[in-house]
Amino acid sequence: MTLKDIAALESVQTLHPDFNADTAVTGGYTSDLLSDVMANADDGCLLITIQAHNNTVAVAALAGAAGILICNNRPVPEDMIASARREGLAIFCTPRNQFEASCMLGRQFGV
């Protein structure tokens, strides 16, 4: 699965186009505790969270995430989008909650 595949999922909106759409997504990691993400997220994962701020981008980049999916239609501030763009990280949003978004991604991986 690639970031392009994530962008094509139902109810997923891409918030900026400045990322490599062919980047492999190796799985997902769902957490709102950024220290947990730093300690446990796998390289290449899609971070699924409601944390819509710059620290989320910094942690996702540090963890080697392929991108971030913001849930519950949380408003994503422009400075977060700009940070993701600078880091080359994809950033998406969805009206789904974290459980639903995790299940949606899990189905794509056959989980």
C-alpha atoms as a PDB file:
ATOM      1  CA  MET A   1       0.000   0.000   0.000  1.00  0.00           C
ATOM      2  CA  THR A   2       1.178   3.519  -0.762  1.00  0.00           C
ATOM      3  CA  LEU A   3       0.212   7.029   0.260  1.00  0.00           C
ATOM      4  CA  LYS A   4      -1.627   7.263  -3.053  1.00  0.00           C
ATOM      5  CA  ASP A   5      -3.781   4.320  -1.927  1.00  0.00           C
ATOM      6  CA  ILE A   6      -4.495   6.038   1.399  1.00  0.00           C
ATOM      7  CA  ALA A   7      -5.522   9.221  -0.430  1.00  0.00           C
ATOM      8  CA  ALA A   8      -7.987   7.182  -2.514  1.00  0.00           C
ATOM      9  CA  LEU A   9      -9.797   5.667   0.482  1.00  0.00           C
ATOM     10  CA  GLU A  10     -13.407   6.654   1.014  1.00  0.00           C
ATOM     11  CA  SER A  11     -13.822   9.601   3.394  1.00  0.00           C
ATOM     12  CA  VAL A  12     -10.108  10.490   3.353  1.00  0.00           C
ATOM     13  CA  GLN A  13      -9.135  13.999   2.280  1.00  0.00           C
ATOM     14  CA  THR A  14      -5.583  14.985   1.347  1.00  0.00           C
ATOM     15  CA  LEU A  15      -4.586  18.282   2.959  1.00  0.00           C
ATOM     16  CA  HIS A  16      -1.572  19.082   0.772  1.00  0.00           C
ATOM     17  CA  PRO A  17      -0.061  17.527  -2.370  1.00  0.00           C
ATOM     18  CA  ASP A  18       3.636  17.901  -1.521  1.00  0.00           C
ATOM     19  CA  PHE A  19       4.600  14.334  -0.644  1.00  0.00           C
ATOM     20  CA  ASN A  20       5.806  11.291  -2.542  1.00  0.00           C
ATOM     21  CA  ALA A  21       2.569   9.453  -3.377  1.00  0.00           C
ATOM     22  CA  ASP A  22       4.531   6.254  -4.049  1.00  0.00           C
ATOM     23  CA  THR A  23       5.866   6.090  -0.481  1.00  0.00           C
ATOM     24  CA  ALA A  24       5.082   2.695   1.026  1.00  0.00           C
ATOM     25  CA  VAL A  25       2.764   2.579   4.034  1.00  0.00           C
ATOM     26  CA  THR A  26       3.754  -0.411   6.154  1.00  0.00           C
ATOM     27  CA  GLY A  27       0.829  -0.303   8.597  1.00  0.00           C
ATOM     28  CA  GLY A  28      -0.890   1.997  11.003  1.00  0.00           C
ATOM     29  CA  TYR A  29      -0.336   3.254  14.521  1.00  0.00           C
ATOM     30  CA  THR A  30      -3.206   4.784  16.468  1.00  0.00           C
ATOM     31  CA  SER A  31      -2.387   6.951  19.448  1.00  0.00           C
ATOM     32  CA  ASP A  32      -2.915  10.422  20.844  1.00  0.00           C
ATOM     33  CA  LEU A  33      -0.040  10.155  23.286  1.00  0.00           C
ATOM     34  CA  LEU A  34       2.921  11.481  21.346  1.00  0.00           C
ATOM     35  CA  SER A  35       5.510   9.912  23.657  1.00  0.00           C
ATOM     36  CA  ASP A  36       3.858   6.553  22.917  1.00  0.00           C
ATOM     37  CA  VAL A  37       4.175   7.232  19.186  1.00  0.00           C
ATOM     38  CA  MET A  38       7.872   8.064  19.560  1.00  0.00           C
ATOM     39  CA  ALA A  39       8.496   4.859  21.502  1.00  0.00           C
ATOM     40  CA  ASN A  40       6.361   2.405  19.544  1.00  0.00           C
ATOM     41  CA  ALA A  41       5.353   3.515  16.045  1.00  0.00           C
ATOM     42  CA  ASP A  42       6.964   1.560  13.220  1.00  0.00           C
ATOM     43  CA  ASP A  43       8.887   3.208  10.417  1.00  0.00           C
ATOM     44  CA  GLY A  44       6.592   3.760   7.437  1.00  0.00           C
ATOM     45  CA  CYS A  45       3.341   3.660   9.405  1.00  0.00           C
ATOM     46  CA  LEU A  46       0.356   5.942   9.017  1.00  0.00           C
ATOM     47  CA  LEU A  47      -0.187   7.754  12.323  1.00  0.00           C
ATOM     48  CA  ILE A  48      -3.901   7.829  13.167  1.00  0.00           C
ATOM     49  CA  THR A  49      -4.706  10.503  15.749  1.00  0.00           C
ATOM     50  CA  ILE A  50      -6.824  13.476  16.776  1.00  0.00           C
ATOM     51  CA  GLN A  51      -3.751  15.535  17.705  1.00  0.00           C
ATOM     52  CA  ALA A  52      -3.865  18.343  15.150  1.00  0.00           C
ATOM     53  CA  HIS A  53      -0.837  20.513  15.919  1.00  0.00           C
ATOM     54  CA  ASN A  54       2.821  20.985  14.988  1.00  0.00           C
ATOM     55  CA  ASN A  55       4.142  18.614  17.657  1.00  0.00           C
ATOM     56  CA  THR A  56       2.336  15.773  15.910  1.00  0.00           C
ATOM     57  CA  VAL A  57       4.267  16.470  12.723  1.00  0.00           C
ATOM     58  CA  ALA A  58       7.570  16.596  14.606  1.00  0.00           C
ATOM     59  CA  VAL A  59       6.869  13.283  16.347  1.00  0.00           C
ATOM     60  CA  ALA A  60       5.671  11.616  13.134  1.00  0.00           C
ATOM     61  CA  ALA A  61       8.846  12.707  11.362  1.00  0.00           C
ATOM     62  CA  LEU A  62      11.010  11.512  14.257  1.00  0.00           C
ATOM     63  CA  ALA A  63       9.224   8.146  14.277  1.00  0.00           C
ATOM     64  CA  GLY A  64       9.657   7.747  10.521  1.00  0.00           C
ATOM     65  CA  ALA A  65       5.920   7.728   9.788  1.00  0.00           C
ATOM     66  CA  ALA A  66       4.833   7.953   6.164  1.00  0.00           C
ATOM     67  CA  GLY A  67       1.978  10.261   7.031  1.00  0.00           C
ATOM     68  CA  ILE A  68      -0.677  11.383   9.482  1.00  0.00           C
ATOM     69  CA  LEU A  69      -4.433  10.818   9.435  1.00  0.00           C
ATOM     70  CA  ILE A  70      -6.368  13.291  11.595  1.00  0.00           C
ATOM     71  CA  CYS A  71      -9.727  11.896  12.710  1.00  0.00           C
ATOM     72  CA  ASN A  72     -13.130  13.253  13.789  1.00  0.00           C
ATOM     73  CA  ASN A  73     -13.025  16.124  11.304  1.00  0.00           C
ATOM     74  CA  ARG A  74     -10.704  17.974  13.655  1.00  0.00           C
ATOM     75  CA  PRO A  75      -9.697  21.282  12.159  1.00  0.00           C
ATOM     76  CA  VAL A  76      -6.088  21.126  10.997  1.00  0.00           C
ATOM     77  CA  PRO A  77      -4.295  24.446  11.366  1.00  0.00           C
ATOM     78  CA  GLU A  78      -2.351  25.875   8.452  1.00  0.00           C
ATOM     79  CA  ASP A  79       0.899  25.848  10.406  1.00  0.00           C
ATOM     80  CA  MET A  80       0.567  22.073  10.883  1.00  0.00           C
ATOM     81  CA  ILE A  81      -0.018  21.604   7.161  1.00  0.00           C
ATOM     82  CA  ALA A  82       2.994  23.811   6.411  1.00  0.00           C
ATOM     83  CA  SER A  83       5.153  21.754   8.796  1.00  0.00           C
ATOM     84  CA  ALA A  84       4.035  18.497   7.186  1.00  0.00           C
ATOM     85  CA  ARG A  85       4.812  19.955   3.774  1.00  0.00           C
ATOM     86  CA  ARG A  86       8.326  20.948   4.903  1.00  0.00           C
ATOM     87  CA  GLU A  87       8.921  17.453   6.323  1.00  0.00           C
ATOM     88  CA  GLY A  88       7.572  15.782   3.178  1.00  0.00           C
ATOM     89  CA  LEU A  89       4.920  14.041   5.279  1.00  0.00           C
ATOM     90  CA  ALA A  90       1.487  13.327   3.899  1.00  0.00           C
ATOM     91  CA  ILE A  91      -1.351  14.655   6.007  1.00  0.00           C
ATOM     92  CA  PHE A  92      -4.919  13.506   5.629  1.00  0.00           C
ATOM     93  CA  CYS A  93      -8.169  14.018   7.498  1.00  0.00           C
ATOM     94  CA  THR A  94     -11.353  12.012   7.872  1.00  0.00           C
ATOM     95  CA  PRO A  95     -14.719  12.361   9.603  1.00  0.00           C
ATOM     96  CA  ARG A  96     -14.223   8.810  10.955  1.00  0.00           C
ATOM     97  CA  ASN A  97     -13.227   8.328  14.571  1.00  0.00           C
ATOM     98  CA  GLN A  98      -9.958   6.610  15.420  1.00  0.00           C
ATOM     99  CA  PHE A  99     -11.506   3.169  15.797  1.00  0.00           C
ATOM    100  CA  GLU A 100     -13.263   3.400  12.434  1.00  0.00           C
ATOM    101  CA  ALA A 101     -10.159   4.798  10.726  1.00  0.00           C
ATOM    102  CA  SER A 102      -7.986   2.055  12.210  1.00  0.00           C
ATOM    103  CA  CYS A 103     -10.448  -0.617  11.053  1.00  0.00           C
ATOM    104  CA  MET A 104     -10.563   0.949   7.588  1.00  0.00           C
ATOM    105  CA  LEU A 105      -6.778   0.829   7.326  1.00  0.00           C
ATOM    106  CA  GLY A 106      -6.632  -2.651   8.839  1.00  0.00           C
ATOM    107  CA  ARG A 107      -9.002  -3.959   6.159  1.00  0.00           C
ATOM    108  CA  GLN A 108      -6.595  -2.639   3.505  1.00  0.00           C
ATOM    109  CA  PHE A 109      -3.843  -4.736   5.100  1.00  0.00           C
ATOM    110  CA  GLY A 110      -6.028  -7.799   5.525  1.00  0.00           C
ATOM    111  CA  VAL A 111      -6.091  -7.572   9.311  1.00  0.00           C
END
